Amino acid sequence: MYASAIAWSAHNSRAGIEDRPLWSTTLGTGRRPRPLLASAATWLLYALWEWLVNVRTPEANIRVDLLLIWPVLAALSAWALFRALR
Protein backbone atom coordinates (compact mmCIF):
# COMPACT_ATOMS: atom_id res chain seq x y z
CA MET A 1 0.00 0.00 0.00
CA TYR A 2 2.73 2.43 0.92
CA ALA A 3 4.83 1.39 -2.06
CA SER A 4 2.25 2.82 -4.45
CA ALA A 5 2.19 6.11 -2.53
CA ILE A 6 5.98 6.31 -2.69
CA ALA A 7 5.92 5.54 -6.41
CA TRP A 8 3.28 8.25 -6.95
CA SER A 9 5.33 10.77 -4.99
CA ALA A 10 8.48 9.87 -6.93
CA HIS A 11 6.60 10.22 -10.21
CA ASN A 12 5.29 13.65 -9.21
CA SER A 13 8.77 14.78 -8.26
CA ARG A 14 10.11 13.76 -11.66
CA ALA A 15 7.22 15.50 -13.39
CA GLY A 16 7.89 18.74 -11.51
CA ILE A 17 4.65 18.56 -9.57
CA GLU A 18 5.00 19.65 -5.99
CA ASP A 19 3.15 17.98 -3.15
CA ARG A 20 0.91 20.76 -1.87
CA PRO A 21 -2.13 20.78 0.35
CA LEU A 22 -5.49 20.77 -1.41
CA TRP A 23 -6.36 24.31 -0.27
CA SER A 24 -3.34 25.76 -2.06
CA THR A 25 -4.62 24.66 -5.47
CA THR A 26 -7.38 27.27 -5.60
CA LEU A 27 -7.26 30.57 -7.44
CA GLY A 28 -4.29 32.64 -6.46
CA THR A 29 -1.96 29.76 -5.60
CA GLY A 30 0.83 30.97 -3.38
CA ARG A 31 -0.76 34.36 -2.85
CA ARG A 32 -2.69 35.83 0.00
CA PRO A 33 -6.41 35.16 -0.42
CA ARG A 34 -7.48 38.49 1.09
CA PRO A 35 -9.27 39.85 -2.01
CA LEU A 36 -11.28 36.65 -2.41
CA LEU A 37 -12.05 36.54 1.30
CA ALA A 38 -13.16 40.17 1.25
CA SER A 39 -15.45 39.48 -1.70
CA ALA A 40 -16.87 36.36 -0.06
CA ALA A 41 -17.47 38.23 3.21
CA THR A 42 -19.25 41.01 1.33
CA TRP A 43 -21.50 38.51 -0.44
CA LEU A 44 -22.27 36.92 2.93
CA LEU A 45 -23.24 40.32 4.33
CA TYR A 46 -25.43 40.87 1.27
CA ALA A 47 -27.14 37.50 1.83
CA LEU A 48 -27.82 38.45 5.45
CA TRP A 49 -29.17 41.83 4.33
CA GLU A 50 -31.50 40.16 1.81
CA TRP A 51 -32.74 37.75 4.47
CA LEU A 52 -33.38 40.63 6.87
CA VAL A 53 -35.30 42.61 4.22
CA ASN A 54 -37.34 39.53 3.35
CA VAL A 55 -38.21 38.87 7.01
CA ARG A 56 -39.02 42.48 7.88
CA THR A 57 -40.85 43.51 4.69
CA PRO A 58 -41.89 40.46 2.63
CA GLU A 59 -44.02 42.60 0.30
CA ALA A 60 -41.04 44.77 -0.80
CA ASN A 61 -40.56 43.99 -4.48
CA ILE A 62 -39.20 47.33 -5.75
CA ARG A 63 -36.10 48.30 -3.80
CA VAL A 64 -33.84 51.27 -4.39
CA ASP A 65 -31.04 49.94 -2.15
CA LEU A 66 -30.12 47.41 -4.84
CA LEU A 67 -29.12 50.27 -7.16
CA LEU A 68 -26.19 50.87 -4.81
CA ILE A 69 -25.52 47.34 -3.56
CA TRP A 70 -25.30 45.48 -6.89
CA PRO A 71 -22.69 47.74 -8.55
CA VAL A 72 -20.54 47.63 -5.41
CA LEU A 73 -20.75 43.83 -5.27
CA ALA A 74 -19.98 43.52 -8.98
CA ALA A 75 -16.97 45.84 -8.75
CA LEU A 76 -15.63 44.11 -5.65
CA SER A 77 -16.05 40.66 -7.23
CA ALA A 78 -14.31 41.76 -10.43
CA TRP A 79 -11.46 43.29 -8.42
CA ALA A 80 -11.08 40.10 -6.36
CA LEU A 81 -10.93 37.91 -9.47
CA PHE A 82 -8.44 40.26 -11.11
CA ARG A 83 -6.21 40.16 -8.03
CA ALA A 84 -6.51 36.38 -7.71
CA LEU A 85 -5.61 35.71 -11.34
CA ARG A 86 -2.88 38.35 -11.59
C-alpha atoms as a PDB file:
ATOM      1  CA  MET A   1       0.000   0.000   0.000  1.00  0.00           C
ATOM      2  CA  TYR A   2       2.733   2.432   0.922  1.00  0.00           C
ATOM      3  CA  ALA A   3       4.826   1.389  -2.062  1.00  0.00           C
ATOM      4  CA  SER A   4       2.245   2.822  -4.453  1.00  0.00           C
ATOM      5  CA  ALA A   5       2.194   6.114  -2.526  1.00  0.00           C
ATOM      6  CA  ILE A   6       5.980   6.315  -2.692  1.00  0.00           C
ATOM      7  CA  ALA A   7       5.918   5.544  -6.407  1.00  0.00           C
ATOM      8  CA  TRP A   8       3.277   8.249  -6.948  1.00  0.00           C
ATOM      9  CA  SER A   9       5.333  10.766  -4.986  1.00  0.00           C
ATOM     10  CA  ALA A  10       8.478   9.873  -6.932  1.00  0.00           C
ATOM     11  CA  HIS A  11       6.596  10.220 -10.212  1.00  0.00           C
ATOM     12  CA  ASN A  12       5.286  13.649  -9.211  1.00  0.00           C
ATOM     13  CA  SER A  13       8.771  14.776  -8.258  1.00  0.00           C
ATOM     14  CA  ARG A  14      10.107  13.756 -11.655  1.00  0.00           C
ATOM     15  CA  ALA A  15       7.224  15.503 -13.393  1.00  0.00           C
ATOM     16  CA  GLY A  16       7.889  18.744 -11.514  1.00  0.00           C
ATOM     17  CA  ILE A  17       4.650  18.563  -9.575  1.00  0.00           C
ATOM     18  CA  GLU A  18       4.996  19.651  -5.990  1.00  0.00           C
ATOM     19  CA  ASP A  19       3.154  17.984  -3.145  1.00  0.00           C
ATOM     20  CA  ARG A  20       0.907  20.758  -1.868  1.00  0.00           C
ATOM     21  CA  PRO A  21      -2.132  20.785   0.352  1.00  0.00           C
ATOM     22  CA  LEU A  22      -5.493  20.770  -1.412  1.00  0.00           C
ATOM     23  CA  TRP A  23      -6.362  24.315  -0.268  1.00  0.00           C
ATOM     24  CA  SER A  24      -3.340  25.764  -2.063  1.00  0.00           C
ATOM     25  CA  THR A  25      -4.620  24.655  -5.475  1.00  0.00           C
ATOM     26  CA  THR A  26      -7.377  27.266  -5.601  1.00  0.00           C
ATOM     27  CA  LEU A  27      -7.262  30.574  -7.438  1.00  0.00           C
ATOM     28  CA  GLY A  28      -4.291  32.641  -6.460  1.00  0.00           C
ATOM     29  CA  THR A  29      -1.963  29.763  -5.596  1.00  0.00           C
ATOM     30  CA  GLY A  30       0.833  30.968  -3.378  1.00  0.00           C
ATOM     31  CA  ARG A  31      -0.758  34.359  -2.849  1.00  0.00           C
ATOM     32  CA  ARG A  32      -2.686  35.830  -0.004  1.00  0.00           C
ATOM     33  CA  PRO A  33      -6.408  35.164  -0.424  1.00  0.00           C
ATOM     34  CA  ARG A  34      -7.483  38.494   1.090  1.00  0.00           C
ATOM     35  CA  PRO A  35      -9.269  39.852  -2.010  1.00  0.00           C
ATOM     36  CA  LEU A  36     -11.281  36.650  -2.405  1.00  0.00           C
ATOM     37  CA  LEU A  37     -12.048  36.538   1.304  1.00  0.00           C
ATOM     38  CA  ALA A  38     -13.159  40.175   1.245  1.00  0.00           C
ATOM     39  CA  SER A  39     -15.453  39.483  -1.700  1.00  0.00           C
ATOM     40  CA  ALA A  40     -16.874  36.355  -0.059  1.00  0.00           C
ATOM     41  CA  ALA A  41     -17.469  38.225   3.208  1.00  0.00           C
ATOM     42  CA  THR A  42     -19.250  41.012   1.330  1.00  0.00           C
ATOM     43  CA  TRP A  43     -21.498  38.508  -0.440  1.00  0.00           C
ATOM     44  CA  LEU A  44     -22.270  36.921   2.929  1.00  0.00           C
ATOM     45  CA  LEU A  45     -23.244  40.322   4.329  1.00  0.00           C
ATOM     46  CA  TYR A  46     -25.434  40.872   1.274  1.00  0.00           C
ATOM     47  CA  ALA A  47     -27.145  37.499   1.830  1.00  0.00           C
ATOM     48  CA  LEU A  48     -27.817  38.450   5.452  1.00  0.00           C
ATOM     49  CA  TRP A  49     -29.173  41.829   4.329  1.00  0.00           C
ATOM     50  CA  GLU A  50     -31.498  40.162   1.813  1.00  0.00           C
ATOM     51  CA  TRP A  51     -32.742  37.747   4.470  1.00  0.00           C
ATOM     52  CA  LEU A  52     -33.381  40.635   6.867  1.00  0.00           C
ATOM     53  CA  VAL A  53     -35.297  42.607   4.225  1.00  0.00           C
ATOM     54  CA  ASN A  54     -37.344  39.534   3.355  1.00  0.00           C
ATOM     55  CA  VAL A  55     -38.205  38.874   7.006  1.00  0.00           C
ATOM     56  CA  ARG A  56     -39.015  42.480   7.876  1.00  0.00           C
ATOM     57  CA  THR A  57     -40.850  43.505   4.694  1.00  0.00           C
ATOM     58  CA  PRO A  58     -41.886  40.459   2.633  1.00  0.00           C
ATOM     59  CA  GLU A  59     -44.015  42.598   0.295  1.00  0.00           C
ATOM     60  CA  ALA A  60     -41.037  44.771  -0.797  1.00  0.00           C
ATOM     61  CA  ASN A  61     -40.562  43.991  -4.485  1.00  0.00           C
ATOM     62  CA  ILE A  62     -39.198  47.331  -5.751  1.00  0.00           C
ATOM     63  CA  ARG A  63     -36.098  48.304  -3.801  1.00  0.00           C
ATOM     64  CA  VAL A  64     -33.836  51.269  -4.394  1.00  0.00           C
ATOM     65  CA  ASP A  65     -31.042  49.942  -2.152  1.00  0.00           C
ATOM     66  CA  LEU A  66     -30.116  47.405  -4.842  1.00  0.00           C
ATOM     67  CA  LEU A  67     -29.121  50.269  -7.155  1.00  0.00           C
ATOM     68  CA  LEU A  68     -26.191  50.868  -4.810  1.00  0.00           C
ATOM     69  CA  ILE A  69     -25.516  47.344  -3.558  1.00  0.00           C
ATOM     70  CA  TRP A  70     -25.296  45.482  -6.893  1.00  0.00           C
ATOM     71  CA  PRO A  71     -22.692  47.745  -8.554  1.00  0.00           C
ATOM     72  CA  VAL A  72     -20.539  47.632  -5.409  1.00  0.00           C
ATOM     73  CA  LEU A  73     -20.748  43.832  -5.266  1.00  0.00           C
ATOM     74  CA  ALA A  74     -19.982  43.515  -8.982  1.00  0.00           C
ATOM     75  CA  ALA A  75     -16.967  45.837  -8.753  1.00  0.00           C
ATOM     76  CA  LEU A  76     -15.631  44.108  -5.649  1.00  0.00           C
ATOM     77  CA  SER A  77     -16.047  40.655  -7.229  1.00  0.00           C
ATOM     78  CA  ALA A  78     -14.310  41.763 -10.435  1.00  0.00           C
ATOM     79  CA  TRP A  79     -11.461  43.286  -8.425  1.00  0.00           C
ATOM     80  CA  ALA A  80     -11.077  40.101  -6.357  1.00  0.00           C
ATOM     81  CA  LEU A  81     -10.934  37.908  -9.471  1.00  0.00           C
ATOM     82  CA  PHE A  82      -8.444  40.260 -11.106  1.00  0.00           C
ATOM     83  CA  ARG A  83      -6.211  40.163  -8.034  1.00  0.00           C
ATOM     84  CA  ALA A  84      -6.506  36.382  -7.709  1.00  0.00           C
ATOM     85  CA  LEU A  85      -5.609  35.706 -11.335  1.00  0.00           C
ATOM     86  CA  ARG A  86      -2.884  38.353 -11.592  1.00  0.00           C
END
